[in-house]
Amino acid sequence: MTDSYDDFQNRVSRIYKKREKRSFFRKNTRAVYSVNQDGYTVIRGAKYRKPIPWTGLIFVLAAFFGVKGTIISQVGPDIFQSQIANGESAGWVEKAGAWTMQPDPISDWVAKKIKSFS
């Protein structure tokens, strides 16, 4: 009984030593090591993570163009353009805001669609 137990412990220690050697050189690997119910070490690849949250960025852009289009449709393009001209003559924050709020084809299209509903 002790011989089989000693053999088992030797095998386990060899596995852990190999794992330590491997993890020293491959610290950025995405492998997940786990020990199952039988005591075996199972190596699995980690789940793939998206580097950029594309869905969130698309929602933010859609909301941005939607708000711009709504503002253009409510106040009218002439008043909207005059407000942008007022912002361009102020400080750098207002200039940045005026630059981002300039009418573009997407927000003009959204404004026309909103106007068609009313």
PDB file of N, CA and C in Angstrom:
ATOM      1  N   MET A   1       0.821  -1.190   0.000  1.00  0.00           N
ATOM      2  CA  MET A   1       0.000   0.000   0.000  1.00  0.00           C
ATOM      3  C   MET A   1       0.864   1.251   0.000  1.00  0.00           C
ATOM      4  N   THR A   2       1.915   1.275   0.778  1.00  0.00           N
ATOM      5  CA  THR A   2       2.759   2.463   0.827  1.00  0.00           C
ATOM      6  C   THR A   2       3.564   2.615  -0.453  1.00  0.00           C
ATOM      7  N   ASP A   3       3.910   1.507  -1.114  1.00  0.00           N
ATOM      8  CA  ASP A   3       4.651   1.630  -2.371  1.00  0.00           C
ATOM      9  C   ASP A   3       3.813   2.322  -3.434  1.00  0.00           C
ATOM     10  N   SER A   4       2.566   1.945  -3.542  1.00  0.00           N
ATOM     11  CA  SER A   4       1.704   2.590  -4.546  1.00  0.00           C
ATOM     12  C   SER A   4       1.456   4.047  -4.169  1.00  0.00           C
ATOM     13  N   TYR A   5       1.341   4.321  -2.868  1.00  0.00           N
ATOM     14  CA  TYR A   5       1.139   5.694  -2.435  1.00  0.00           C
ATOM     15  C   TYR A   5       2.382   6.538  -2.732  1.00  0.00           C
ATOM     16  N   ASP A   6       3.556   5.986  -2.491  1.00  0.00           N
ATOM     17  CA  ASP A   6       4.806   6.709  -2.786  1.00  0.00           C
ATOM     18  C   ASP A   6       4.952   6.949  -4.282  1.00  0.00           C
ATOM     19  N   ASP A   7       4.605   5.946  -5.087  1.00  0.00           N
ATOM     20  CA  ASP A   7       4.654   6.123  -6.540  1.00  0.00           C
ATOM     21  C   ASP A   7       3.706   7.233  -6.989  1.00  0.00           C
ATOM     22  N   PHE A   8       2.530   7.230  -6.402  1.00  0.00           N
ATOM     23  CA  PHE A   8       1.562   8.264  -6.742  1.00  0.00           C
ATOM     24  C   PHE A   8       2.090   9.644  -6.371  1.00  0.00           C
ATOM     25  N   GLN A   9       2.642   9.778  -5.178  1.00  0.00           N
ATOM     26  CA  GLN A   9       3.174  11.068  -4.749  1.00  0.00           C
ATOM     27  C   GLN A   9       4.337  11.521  -5.637  1.00  0.00           C
ATOM     28  N   ASN A  10       5.156  10.573  -6.076  1.00  0.00           N
ATOM     29  CA  ASN A  10       6.255  10.917  -6.996  1.00  0.00           C
ATOM     30  C   ASN A  10       5.715  11.423  -8.327  1.00  0.00           C
ATOM     31  N   ARG A  11       4.690  10.760  -8.836  1.00  0.00           N
ATOM     32  CA  ARG A  11       4.080  11.218 -10.084  1.00  0.00           C
ATOM     33  C   ARG A  11       3.496  12.608  -9.934  1.00  0.00           C
ATOM     34  N   VAL A  12       2.801  12.850  -8.836  1.00  0.00           N
ATOM     35  CA  VAL A  12       2.207  14.159  -8.593  1.00  0.00           C
ATOM     36  C   VAL A  12       3.293  15.223  -8.482  1.00  0.00           C
ATOM     37  N   SER A  13       4.352  14.938  -7.779  1.00  0.00           N
ATOM     38  CA  SER A  13       5.430  15.927  -7.643  1.00  0.00           C
ATOM     39  C   SER A  13       6.088  16.204  -8.986  1.00  0.00           C
ATOM     40  N   ARG A  14       6.257  15.182  -9.854  1.00  0.00           N
ATOM     41  CA  ARG A  14       6.810  15.418 -11.192  1.00  0.00           C
ATOM     42  C   ARG A  14       5.891  16.316 -12.006  1.00  0.00           C
ATOM     43  N   ILE A  15       4.594  16.091 -11.911  1.00  0.00           N
ATOM     44  CA  ILE A  15       3.635  16.932 -12.643  1.00  0.00           C
ATOM     45  C   ILE A  15       3.741  18.373 -12.175  1.00  0.00           C
ATOM     46  N   TYR A  16       3.786  18.581 -10.870  1.00  0.00           N
ATOM     47  CA  TYR A  16       3.878  19.947 -10.358  1.00  0.00           C
ATOM     48  C   TYR A  16       5.205  20.608 -10.718  1.00  0.00           C
ATOM     49  N   LYS A  17       6.282  19.838 -10.726  1.00  0.00           N
ATOM     50  CA  LYS A  17       7.577  20.405 -11.131  1.00  0.00           C
ATOM     51  C   LYS A  17       7.556  20.810 -12.597  1.00  0.00           C
ATOM     52  N   LYS A  18       6.975  19.971 -13.463  1.00  0.00           N
ATOM     53  CA  LYS A  18       6.867  20.327 -14.874  1.00  0.00           C
ATOM     54  C   LYS A  18       5.992  21.563 -15.051  1.00  0.00           C
ATOM     55  N   ARG A  19       4.939  21.615 -14.268  1.00  0.00           N
ATOM     56  CA  ARG A  19       4.039  22.760 -14.359  1.00  0.00           C
ATOM     57  C   ARG A  19       4.756  24.047 -13.941  1.00  0.00           C
ATOM     58  N   GLU A  20       5.561  23.987 -12.891  1.00  0.00           N
ATOM     59  CA  GLU A  20       6.303  25.163 -12.444  1.00  0.00           C
ATOM     60  C   GLU A  20       7.318  25.603 -13.484  1.00  0.00           C
ATOM     61  N   LYS A  21       8.017  24.658 -14.092  1.00  0.00           N
ATOM     62  CA  LYS A  21       8.994  25.007 -15.124  1.00  0.00           C
ATOM     63  C   LYS A  21       8.298  25.655 -16.316  1.00  0.00           C
ATOM     64  N   ARG A  22       7.189  25.076 -16.695  1.00  0.00           N
ATOM     65  CA  ARG A  22       6.453  25.597 -17.831  1.00  0.00           C
ATOM     66  C   ARG A  22       5.884  26.981 -17.528  1.00  0.00           C
ATOM     67  N   SER A  23       5.393  27.192 -16.322  1.00  0.00           N
ATOM     68  CA  SER A  23       4.775  28.463 -16.012  1.00  0.00           C
ATOM     69  C   SER A  23       5.806  29.579 -15.885  1.00  0.00           C
ATOM     70  N   PHE A  24       7.080  29.241 -15.614  1.00  0.00           N
ATOM     71  CA  PHE A  24       8.109  30.281 -15.540  1.00  0.00           C
ATOM     72  C   PHE A  24       8.324  30.923 -16.905  1.00  0.00           C
ATOM     73  N   PHE A  25       8.330  30.123 -17.953  1.00  0.00           N
ATOM     74  CA  PHE A  25       8.580  30.661 -19.291  1.00  0.00           C
ATOM     75  C   PHE A  25       7.302  31.118 -19.981  1.00  0.00           C
ATOM     76  N   ARG A  26       6.189  30.598 -19.575  1.00  0.00           N
ATOM     77  CA  ARG A  26       4.929  30.911 -20.244  1.00  0.00           C
ATOM     78  C   ARG A  26       3.945  31.539 -19.264  1.00  0.00           C
ATOM     79  N   LYS A  27       4.304  32.639 -18.699  1.00  0.00           N
ATOM     80  CA  LYS A  27       3.418  33.277 -17.729  1.00  0.00           C
ATOM     81  C   LYS A  27       2.181  33.868 -18.392  1.00  0.00           C
ATOM     82  N   ASN A  28       2.273  34.227 -19.665  1.00  0.00           N
ATOM     83  CA  ASN A  28       1.144  34.863 -20.328  1.00  0.00           C
ATOM     84  C   ASN A  28       0.274  33.877 -21.100  1.00  0.00           C
ATOM     85  N   THR A  29       0.475  32.588 -20.899  1.00  0.00           N
ATOM     86  CA  THR A  29      -0.377  31.627 -21.590  1.00  0.00           C
ATOM     87  C   THR A  29      -1.770  31.668 -20.990  1.00  0.00           C
ATOM     88  N   ARG A  30      -2.724  31.320 -21.781  1.00  0.00           N
ATOM     89  CA  ARG A  30      -4.107  31.380 -21.329  1.00  0.00           C
ATOM     90  C   ARG A  30      -4.636  29.989 -21.003  1.00  0.00           C
ATOM     91  N   ALA A  31      -3.737  29.068 -20.670  1.00  0.00           N
ATOM     92  CA  ALA A  31      -4.176  27.728 -20.319  1.00  0.00           C
ATOM     93  C   ALA A  31      -4.648  27.708 -18.867  1.00  0.00           C
ATOM     94  N   VAL A  32      -5.659  26.898 -18.612  1.00  0.00           N
ATOM     95  CA  VAL A  32      -6.197  26.760 -17.267  1.00  0.00           C
ATOM     96  C   VAL A  32      -5.884  25.351 -16.801  1.00  0.00           C
ATOM     97  N   TYR A  33      -5.198  25.254 -15.676  1.00  0.00           N
ATOM     98  CA  TYR A  33      -4.863  23.964 -15.101  1.00  0.00           C
ATOM     99  C   TYR A  33      -5.843  23.663 -13.986  1.00  0.00           C
ATOM    100  N   SER A  34      -6.379  22.461 -13.990  1.00  0.00           N
ATOM    101  CA  SER A  34      -7.275  22.068 -12.910  1.00  0.00           C
ATOM    102  C   SER A  34      -7.058  20.591 -12.617  1.00  0.00           C
ATOM    103  N   VAL A  35      -7.372  20.203 -11.405  1.00  0.00           N
ATOM    104  CA  VAL A  35      -7.252  18.813 -10.987  1.00  0.00           C
ATOM    105  C   VAL A  35      -8.667  18.275 -10.842  1.00  0.00           C
ATOM    106  N   ASN A  36      -8.959  17.192 -11.576  1.00  0.00           N
ATOM    107  CA  ASN A  36     -10.325  16.656 -11.525  1.00  0.00           C
ATOM    108  C   ASN A  36     -10.494  15.727 -10.316  1.00  0.00           C
ATOM    109  N   GLN A  37     -11.612  15.061 -10.219  1.00  0.00           N
ATOM    110  CA  GLN A  37     -11.922  14.232  -9.051  1.00  0.00           C
ATOM    111  C   GLN A  37     -10.985  13.047  -8.904  1.00  0.00           C
ATOM    112  N   ASP A  38     -10.447  12.572 -10.021  1.00  0.00           N
ATOM    113  CA  ASP A  38      -9.545  11.421  -9.970  1.00  0.00           C
ATOM    114  C   ASP A  38      -8.120  11.824  -9.624  1.00  0.00           C
ATOM    115  N   GLY A  39      -7.833  13.101  -9.563  1.00  0.00           N
ATOM    116  CA  GLY A  39      -6.492  13.563  -9.236  1.00  0.00           C
ATOM    117  C   GLY A  39      -5.643  13.848 -10.457  1.00  0.00           C
ATOM    118  N   TYR A  40      -6.213  13.763 -11.640  1.00  0.00           N
ATOM    119  CA  TYR A  40      -5.464  14.050 -12.856  1.00  0.00           C
ATOM    120  C   TYR A  40      -5.447  15.546 -13.124  1.00  0.00           C
ATOM    121  N   THR A  41      -4.333  16.028 -13.621  1.00  0.00           N
ATOM    122  CA  THR A  41      -4.239  17.434 -13.997  1.00  0.00           C
ATOM    123  C   THR A  41      -4.765  17.580 -15.412  1.00  0.00           C
ATOM    124  N   VAL A  42      -5.745  18.431 -15.575  1.00  0.00           N
ATOM    125  CA  VAL A  42      -6.379  18.650 -16.875  1.00  0.00           C
ATOM    126  C   VAL A  42      -6.025  20.060 -17.330  1.00  0.00           C
ATOM    127  N   ILE A  43      -5.534  20.154 -18.561  1.00  0.00           N
ATOM    128  CA  ILE A  43      -5.154  21.452 -19.114  1.00  0.00           C
ATOM    129  C   ILE A  43      -6.191  21.823 -20.158  1.00  0.00           C
ATOM    130  N   ARG A  44      -6.797  22.980 -19.963  1.00  0.00           N
ATOM    131  CA  ARG A  44      -7.805  23.466 -20.906  1.00  0.00           C
ATOM    132  C   ARG A  44      -7.430  24.857 -21.349  1.00  0.00           C
ATOM    133  N   GLY A  45      -7.833  25.185 -22.537  1.00  0.00           N
ATOM    134  CA  GLY A  45      -7.635  26.542 -23.005  1.00  0.00           C
ATOM    135  C   GLY A  45      -8.664  27.459 -22.366  1.00  0.00           C
ATOM    136  N   ALA A  46      -8.243  28.664 -22.037  1.00  0.00           N
ATOM    137  CA  ALA A  46      -9.167  29.619 -21.437  1.00  0.00           C
ATOM    138  C   ALA A  46     -10.138  30.119 -22.483  1.00  0.00           C
ATOM    139  N   LYS A  47     -11.254  30.672 -22.016  1.00  0.00           N
ATOM    140  CA  LYS A  47     -12.239  31.203 -22.937  1.00  0.00           C
ATOM    141  C   LYS A  47     -11.663  32.399 -23.679  1.00  0.00           C
ATOM    142  N   TYR A  48     -12.070  32.544 -24.913  1.00  0.00           N
ATOM    143  CA  TYR A  48     -11.603  33.661 -25.733  1.00  0.00           C
ATOM    144  C   TYR A  48     -12.286  34.935 -25.283  1.00  0.00           C
ATOM    145  N   ARG A  49     -11.492  35.955 -25.029  1.00  0.00           N
ATOM    146  CA  ARG A  49     -12.043  37.258 -24.663  1.00  0.00           C
ATOM    147  C   ARG A  49     -11.838  38.218 -25.816  1.00  0.00           C
ATOM    148  N   LYS A  50     -12.863  38.987 -26.132  1.00  0.00           N
ATOM    149  CA  LYS A  50     -12.746  39.964 -27.197  1.00  0.00           C
ATOM    150  C   LYS A  50     -11.877  41.116 -26.718  1.00  0.00           C
ATOM    151  N   PRO A  51     -10.936  41.533 -27.535  1.00  0.00           N
ATOM    152  CA  PRO A  51     -10.083  42.636 -27.094  1.00  0.00           C
ATOM    153  C   PRO A  51     -10.797  43.983 -27.086  1.00  0.00           C
ATOM    154  N   ILE A  52     -11.784  44.167 -27.930  1.00  0.00           N
ATOM    155  CA  ILE A  52     -12.512  45.433 -28.015  1.00  0.00           C
ATOM    156  C   ILE A  52     -14.004  45.127 -27.888  1.00  0.00           C
ATOM    157  N   PRO A  53     -14.707  45.825 -27.007  1.00  0.00           N
ATOM    158  CA  PRO A  53     -16.146  45.574 -26.870  1.00  0.00           C
ATOM    159  C   PRO A  53     -16.929  46.243 -27.998  1.00  0.00           C
ATOM    160  N   TRP A  54     -16.999  45.574 -29.133  1.00  0.00           N
ATOM    161  CA  TRP A  54     -17.613  46.156 -30.332  1.00  0.00           C
ATOM    162  C   TRP A  54     -19.082  46.494 -30.113  1.00  0.00           C
ATOM    163  N   THR A  55     -19.801  45.665 -29.410  1.00  0.00           N
ATOM    164  CA  THR A  55     -21.231  45.913 -29.209  1.00  0.00           C
ATOM    165  C   THR A  55     -21.450  47.210 -28.445  1.00  0.00           C
ATOM    166  N   GLY A  56     -20.692  47.426 -27.399  1.00  0.00           N
ATOM    167  CA  GLY A  56     -20.825  48.651 -26.631  1.00  0.00           C
ATOM    168  C   GLY A  56     -20.463  49.883 -27.435  1.00  0.00           C
ATOM    169  N   LEU A  57     -19.405  49.782 -28.236  1.00  0.00           N
ATOM    170  CA  LEU A  57     -19.010  50.923 -29.066  1.00  0.00           C
ATOM    171  C   LEU A  57     -20.073  51.256 -30.105  1.00  0.00           C
ATOM    172  N   ILE A  58     -20.689  50.246 -30.681  1.00  0.00           N
ATOM    173  CA  ILE A  58     -21.739  50.485 -31.676  1.00  0.00           C
ATOM    174  C   ILE A  58     -22.948  51.154 -31.019  1.00  0.00           C
ATOM    175  N   PHE A  59     -23.309  50.712 -29.813  1.00  0.00           N
ATOM    176  CA  PHE A  59     -24.427  51.347 -29.107  1.00  0.00           C
ATOM    177  C   PHE A  59     -24.122  52.798 -28.762  1.00  0.00           C
ATOM    178  N   VAL A  60     -22.896  53.078 -28.349  1.00  0.00           N
ATOM    179  CA  VAL A  60     -22.527  54.467 -28.025  1.00  0.00           C
ATOM    180  C   VAL A  60     -22.594  55.341 -29.271  1.00  0.00           C
ATOM    181  N   LEU A  61     -22.070  54.838 -30.385  1.00  0.00           N
ATOM    182  CA  LEU A  61     -22.132  55.615 -31.631  1.00  0.00           C
ATOM    183  C   LEU A  61     -23.570  55.819 -32.099  1.00  0.00           C
ATOM    184  N   ALA A  62     -24.384  54.785 -31.999  1.00  0.00           N
ATOM    185  CA  ALA A  62     -25.793  54.929 -32.404  1.00  0.00           C
ATOM    186  C   ALA A  62     -26.510  55.948 -31.525  1.00  0.00           C
ATOM    187  N   ALA A  63     -26.242  55.930 -30.238  1.00  0.00           N
ATOM    188  CA  ALA A  63     -26.865  56.899 -29.340  1.00  0.00           C
ATOM    189  C   ALA A  63     -26.373  58.310 -29.650  1.00  0.00           C
ATOM    190  N   PHE A  64     -25.092  58.451 -29.942  1.00  0.00           N
ATOM    191  CA  PHE A  64     -24.529  59.765 -30.251  1.00  0.00           C
ATOM    192  C   PHE A  64     -25.173  60.358 -31.500  1.00  0.00           C
ATOM    193  N   PHE A  65     -25.230  59.573 -32.569  1.00  0.00           N
ATOM    194  CA  PHE A  65     -25.838  60.073 -33.802  1.00  0.00           C
ATOM    195  C   PHE A  65     -27.347  60.258 -33.643  1.00  0.00           C
ATOM    196  N   GLY A  66     -27.970  59.430 -32.828  1.00  0.00           N
ATOM    197  CA  GLY A  66     -29.394  59.598 -32.573  1.00  0.00           C
ATOM    198  C   GLY A  66     -29.699  60.896 -31.838  1.00  0.00           C
ATOM    199  N   VAL A  67     -28.881  61.224 -30.842  1.00  0.00           N
ATOM    200  CA  VAL A  67     -29.089  62.471 -30.104  1.00  0.00           C
ATOM    201  C   VAL A  67     -28.830  63.668 -31.005  1.00  0.00           C
ATOM    202  N   LYS A  68     -27.746  63.606 -31.790  1.00  0.00           N
ATOM    203  CA  LYS A  68     -27.468  64.709 -32.721  1.00  0.00           C
ATOM    204  C   LYS A  68     -28.614  64.891 -33.715  1.00  0.00           C
ATOM    205  N   GLY A  69     -29.101  63.809 -34.263  1.00  0.00           N
ATOM    206  CA  GLY A  69     -30.211  63.890 -35.210  1.00  0.00           C
ATOM    207  C   GLY A  69     -31.478  64.428 -34.575  1.00  0.00           C
ATOM    208  N   THR A  70     -31.732  64.036 -33.334  1.00  0.00           N
ATOM    209  CA  THR A  70     -32.910  64.537 -32.622  1.00  0.00           C
ATOM    210  C   THR A  70     -32.797  66.037 -32.386  1.00  0.00           C
ATOM    211  N   ILE A  71     -31.611  66.501 -31.983  1.00  0.00           N
ATOM    212  CA  ILE A  71     -31.425  67.933 -31.752  1.00  0.00           C
ATOM    213  C   ILE A  71     -31.615  68.710 -33.045  1.00  0.00           C
ATOM    214  N   ILE A  72     -31.016  68.218 -34.132  1.00  0.00           N
ATOM    215  CA  ILE A  72     -31.162  68.904 -35.426  1.00  0.00           C
ATOM    216  C   ILE A  72     -32.625  68.952 -35.845  1.00  0.00           C
ATOM    217  N   SER A  73     -33.352  67.860 -35.658  1.00  0.00           N
ATOM    218  CA  SER A  73     -34.756  67.851 -36.081  1.00  0.00           C
ATOM    219  C   SER A  73     -35.627  68.744 -35.207  1.00  0.00           C
ATOM    220  N   GLN A  74     -35.300  68.914 -33.943  1.00  0.00           N
ATOM    221  CA  GLN A  74     -36.122  69.725 -33.045  1.00  0.00           C
ATOM    222  C   GLN A  74     -35.865  71.216 -33.186  1.00  0.00           C
ATOM    223  N   VAL A  75     -34.591  71.630 -33.305  1.00  0.00           N
ATOM    224  CA  VAL A  75     -34.292  73.066 -33.362  1.00  0.00           C
ATOM    225  C   VAL A  75     -34.148  73.576 -34.788  1.00  0.00           C
ATOM    226  N   GLY A  76     -33.982  72.695 -35.713  1.00  0.00           N
ATOM    227  CA  GLY A  76     -33.805  73.105 -37.103  1.00  0.00           C
ATOM    228  C   GLY A  76     -32.331  73.265 -37.450  1.00  0.00           C
ATOM    229  N   PRO A  77     -31.984  73.015 -38.702  1.00  0.00           N
ATOM    230  CA  PRO A  77     -30.569  73.049 -39.085  1.00  0.00           C
ATOM    231  C   PRO A  77     -29.957  74.453 -39.017  1.00  0.00           C
ATOM    232  N   ASP A  78     -30.747  75.502 -39.256  1.00  0.00           N
ATOM    233  CA  ASP A  78     -30.188  76.859 -39.235  1.00  0.00           C
ATOM    234  C   ASP A  78     -29.786  77.277 -37.826  1.00  0.00           C
ATOM    235  N   ILE A  79     -30.668  77.068 -36.871  1.00  0.00           N
ATOM    236  CA  ILE A  79     -30.360  77.423 -35.481  1.00  0.00           C
ATOM    237  C   ILE A  79     -29.238  76.537 -34.952  1.00  0.00           C
ATOM    238  N   PHE A  80     -29.257  75.273 -35.325  1.00  0.00           N
ATOM    239  CA  PHE A  80     -28.204  74.345 -34.893  1.00  0.00           C
ATOM    240  C   PHE A  80     -26.848  74.818 -35.397  1.00  0.00           C
ATOM    241  N   GLN A  81     -26.787  75.221 -36.670  1.00  0.00           N
ATOM    242  CA  GLN A  81     -25.524  75.694 -37.244  1.00  0.00           C
ATOM    243  C   GLN A  81     -25.074  76.994 -36.572  1.00  0.00           C
ATOM    244  N   SER A  82     -25.998  77.892 -36.226  1.00  0.00           N
ATOM    245  CA  SER A  82     -25.607  79.141 -35.559  1.00  0.00           C
ATOM    246  C   SER A  82     -25.073  78.861 -34.152  1.00  0.00           C
ATOM    247  N   GLN A  83     -25.622  77.872 -33.464  1.00  0.00           N
ATOM    248  CA  GLN A  83     -25.114  77.511 -32.143  1.00  0.00           C
ATOM    249  C   GLN A  83     -23.708  76.910 -32.227  1.00  0.00           C
ATOM    250  N   ILE A  84     -23.468  76.170 -33.271  1.00  0.00           N
ATOM    251  CA  ILE A  84     -22.131  75.617 -33.468  1.00  0.00           C
ATOM    252  C   ILE A  84     -21.140  76.735 -33.757  1.00  0.00           C
ATOM    253  N   ALA A  85     -21.552  77.726 -34.549  1.00  0.00           N
ATOM    254  CA  ALA A  85     -20.684  78.874 -34.838  1.00  0.00           C
ATOM    255  C   ALA A  85     -20.373  79.658 -33.566  1.00  0.00           C
ATOM    256  N   ASN A  86     -21.344  79.776 -32.660  1.00  0.00           N
ATOM    257  CA  ASN A  86     -21.092  80.438 -31.377  1.00  0.00           C
ATOM    258  C   ASN A  86     -20.076  79.660 -30.543  1.00  0.00           C
ATOM    259  N   GLY A  87     -20.144  78.353 -30.597  1.00  0.00           N
ATOM    260  CA  GLY A  87     -19.217  77.524 -29.830  1.00  0.00           C
ATOM    261  C   GLY A  87     -17.798  77.548 -30.364  1.00  0.00           C
ATOM    262  N   GLU A  88     -17.652  77.788 -31.669  1.00  0.00           N
ATOM    263  CA  GLU A  88     -16.309  77.795 -32.251  1.00  0.00           C
ATOM    264  C   GLU A  88     -15.501  79.022 -31.850  1.00  0.00           C
ATOM    265  N   SER A  89     -16.159  80.075 -31.424  1.00  0.00           N
ATOM    266  CA  SER A  89     -15.438  81.291 -31.066  1.00  0.00           C
ATOM    267  C   SER A  89     -15.050  81.316 -29.590  1.00  0.00           C
ATOM    268  N   ALA A  90     -15.378  80.280 -28.822  1.00  0.00           N
ATOM    269  CA  ALA A  90     -15.099  80.258 -27.384  1.00  0.00           C
ATOM    270  C   ALA A  90     -13.795  79.499 -27.105  1.00  0.00           C
ATOM    271  N   GLY A  91     -13.665  78.957 -25.913  1.00  0.00           N
ATOM    272  CA  GLY A  91     -12.457  78.252 -25.494  1.00  0.00           C
ATOM    273  C   GLY A  91     -12.288  76.906 -26.181  1.00  0.00           C
ATOM    274  N   TRP A  92     -11.241  76.204 -25.772  1.00  0.00           N
ATOM    275  CA  TRP A  92     -10.902  74.947 -26.452  1.00  0.00           C
ATOM    276  C   TRP A  92     -11.933  73.855 -26.172  1.00  0.00           C
ATOM    277  N   VAL A  93     -12.576  73.867 -25.022  1.00  0.00           N
ATOM    278  CA  VAL A  93     -13.595  72.851 -24.736  1.00  0.00           C
ATOM    279  C   VAL A  93     -14.808  73.060 -25.641  1.00  0.00           C
ATOM    280  N   GLU A  94     -15.204  74.318 -25.795  1.00  0.00           N
ATOM    281  CA  GLU A  94     -16.340  74.615 -26.663  1.00  0.00           C
ATOM    282  C   GLU A  94     -16.011  74.332 -28.125  1.00  0.00           C
ATOM    283  N   LYS A  95     -14.744  74.574 -28.506  1.00  0.00           N
ATOM    284  CA  LYS A  95     -14.339  74.249 -29.881  1.00  0.00           C
ATOM    285  C   LYS A  95     -14.423  72.742 -30.124  1.00  0.00           C
ATOM    286  N   ALA A  96     -14.000  71.961 -29.142  1.00  0.00           N
ATOM    287  CA  ALA A  96     -14.075  70.504 -29.281  1.00  0.00           C
ATOM    288  C   ALA A  96     -15.535  70.055 -29.365  1.00  0.00           C
ATOM    289  N   GLY A  97     -16.402  70.661 -28.544  1.00  0.00           N
ATOM    290  CA  GLY A  97     -17.820  70.335 -28.607  1.00  0.00           C
ATOM    291  C   GLY A  97     -18.446  70.728 -29.924  1.00  0.00           C
ATOM    292  N   ALA A  98     -18.043  71.897 -30.446  1.00  0.00           N
ATOM    293  CA  ALA A  98     -18.576  72.347 -31.736  1.00  0.00           C
ATOM    294  C   ALA A  98     -18.103  71.437 -32.859  1.00  0.00           C
ATOM    295  N   TRP A  99     -16.871  70.969 -32.758  1.00  0.00           N
ATOM    296  CA  TRP A  99     -16.350  70.069 -33.794  1.00  0.00           C
ATOM    297  C   TRP A  99     -17.109  68.739 -33.797  1.00  0.00           C
ATOM    298  N   THR A 100     -17.387  68.198 -32.594  1.00  0.00           N
ATOM    299  CA  THR A 100     -18.099  66.910 -32.546  1.00  0.00           C
ATOM    300  C   THR A 100     -19.559  67.047 -32.929  1.00  0.00           C
ATOM    301  N   MET A 101     -20.133  68.227 -32.715  1.00  0.00           N
ATOM    302  CA  MET A 101     -21.564  68.405 -33.007  1.00  0.00           C
ATOM    303  C   MET A 101     -21.832  68.935 -34.414  1.00  0.00           C
ATOM    304  N   GLN A 102     -20.821  69.038 -35.250  1.00  0.00           N
ATOM    305  CA  GLN A 102     -21.051  69.483 -36.626  1.00  0.00           C
ATOM    306  C   GLN A 102     -21.985  68.500 -37.332  1.00  0.00           C
ATOM    307  N   PRO A 103     -22.866  69.024 -38.168  1.00  0.00           N
ATOM    308  CA  PRO A 103     -23.774  68.120 -38.885  1.00  0.00           C
ATOM    309  C   PRO A 103     -22.999  67.198 -39.831  1.00  0.00           C
ATOM    310  N   ASP A 104     -23.397  65.979 -39.860  1.00  0.00           N
ATOM    311  CA  ASP A 104     -22.790  64.999 -40.761  1.00  0.00           C
ATOM    312  C   ASP A 104     -23.920  64.242 -41.452  1.00  0.00           C
ATOM    313  N   PRO A 105     -23.598  63.470 -42.477  1.00  0.00           N
ATOM    314  CA  PRO A 105     -24.664  62.781 -43.224  1.00  0.00           C
ATOM    315  C   PRO A 105     -25.520  61.843 -42.375  1.00  0.00           C
ATOM    316  N   ILE A 106     -24.923  61.193 -41.397  1.00  0.00           N
ATOM    317  CA  ILE A 106     -25.691  60.240 -40.590  1.00  0.00           C
ATOM    318  C   ILE A 106     -26.710  60.972 -39.726  1.00  0.00           C
ATOM    319  N   SER A 107     -26.275  62.040 -39.043  1.00  0.00           N
ATOM    320  CA  SER A 107     -27.224  62.763 -38.187  1.00  0.00           C
ATOM    321  C   SER A 107     -28.245  63.534 -39.017  1.00  0.00           C
ATOM    322  N   ASP A 108     -27.870  63.983 -40.212  1.00  0.00           N
ATOM    323  CA  ASP A 108     -28.861  64.602 -41.098  1.00  0.00           C
ATOM    324  C   ASP A 108     -29.923  63.589 -41.521  1.00  0.00           C
ATOM    325  N   TRP A 109     -29.499  62.380 -41.817  1.00  0.00           N
ATOM    326  CA  TRP A 109     -30.436  61.317 -42.192  1.00  0.00           C
ATOM    327  C   TRP A 109     -31.371  60.996 -41.032  1.00  0.00           C
ATOM    328  N   VAL A 110     -30.798  60.913 -39.804  1.00  0.00           N
ATOM    329  CA  VAL A 110     -31.626  60.640 -38.622  1.00  0.00           C
ATOM    330  C   VAL A 110     -32.619  61.774 -38.415  1.00  0.00           C
ATOM    331  N   ALA A 111     -32.169  63.020 -38.601  1.00  0.00           N
ATOM    332  CA  ALA A 111     -33.070  64.175 -38.429  1.00  0.00           C
ATOM    333  C   ALA A 111     -34.204  64.133 -39.442  1.00  0.00           C
ATOM    334  N   LYS A 112     -33.914  63.767 -40.680  1.00  0.00           N
ATOM    335  CA  LYS A 112     -34.969  63.669 -41.696  1.00  0.00           C
ATOM    336  C   LYS A 112     -35.967  62.572 -41.371  1.00  0.00           C
ATOM    337  N   LYS A 113     -35.470  61.440 -40.856  1.00  0.00           N
ATOM    338  CA  LYS A 113     -36.370  60.354 -40.474  1.00  0.00           C
ATOM    339  C   LYS A 113     -37.261  60.760 -39.313  1.00  0.00           C
ATOM    340  N   ILE A 114     -36.702  61.487 -38.352  1.00  0.00           N
ATOM    341  CA  ILE A 114     -37.512  61.925 -37.206  1.00  0.00           C
ATOM    342  C   ILE A 114     -38.549  62.956 -37.669  1.00  0.00           C
ATOM    343  N   LYS A 115     -38.143  63.858 -38.549  1.00  0.00           N
ATOM    344  CA  LYS A 115     -39.084  64.861 -39.082  1.00  0.00           C
ATOM    345  C   LYS A 115     -40.218  64.200 -39.850  1.00  0.00           C
ATOM    346  N   SER A 116     -39.923  63.104 -40.540  1.00  0.00           N
ATOM    347  CA  SER A 116     -40.968  62.440 -41.323  1.00  0.00           C
ATOM    348  C   SER A 116     -42.035  61.811 -40.427  1.00  0.00           C
ATOM    349  N   PHE A 117     -41.705  61.487 -39.157  1.00  0.00           N
ATOM    350  CA  PHE A 117     -42.684  60.912 -38.232  1.00  0.00           C
ATOM    351  C   PHE A 117     -43.630  61.968 -37.675  1.00  0.00           C
ATOM    352  N   SER A 118     -43.189  63.231 -37.648  1.00  0.00           N
ATOM    353  CA  SER A 118     -44.035  64.265 -37.011  1.00  0.00           C
ATOM    354  C   SER A 118     -44.792  65.098 -38.009  1.00  0.00           C
TER     355      SER A 118
END
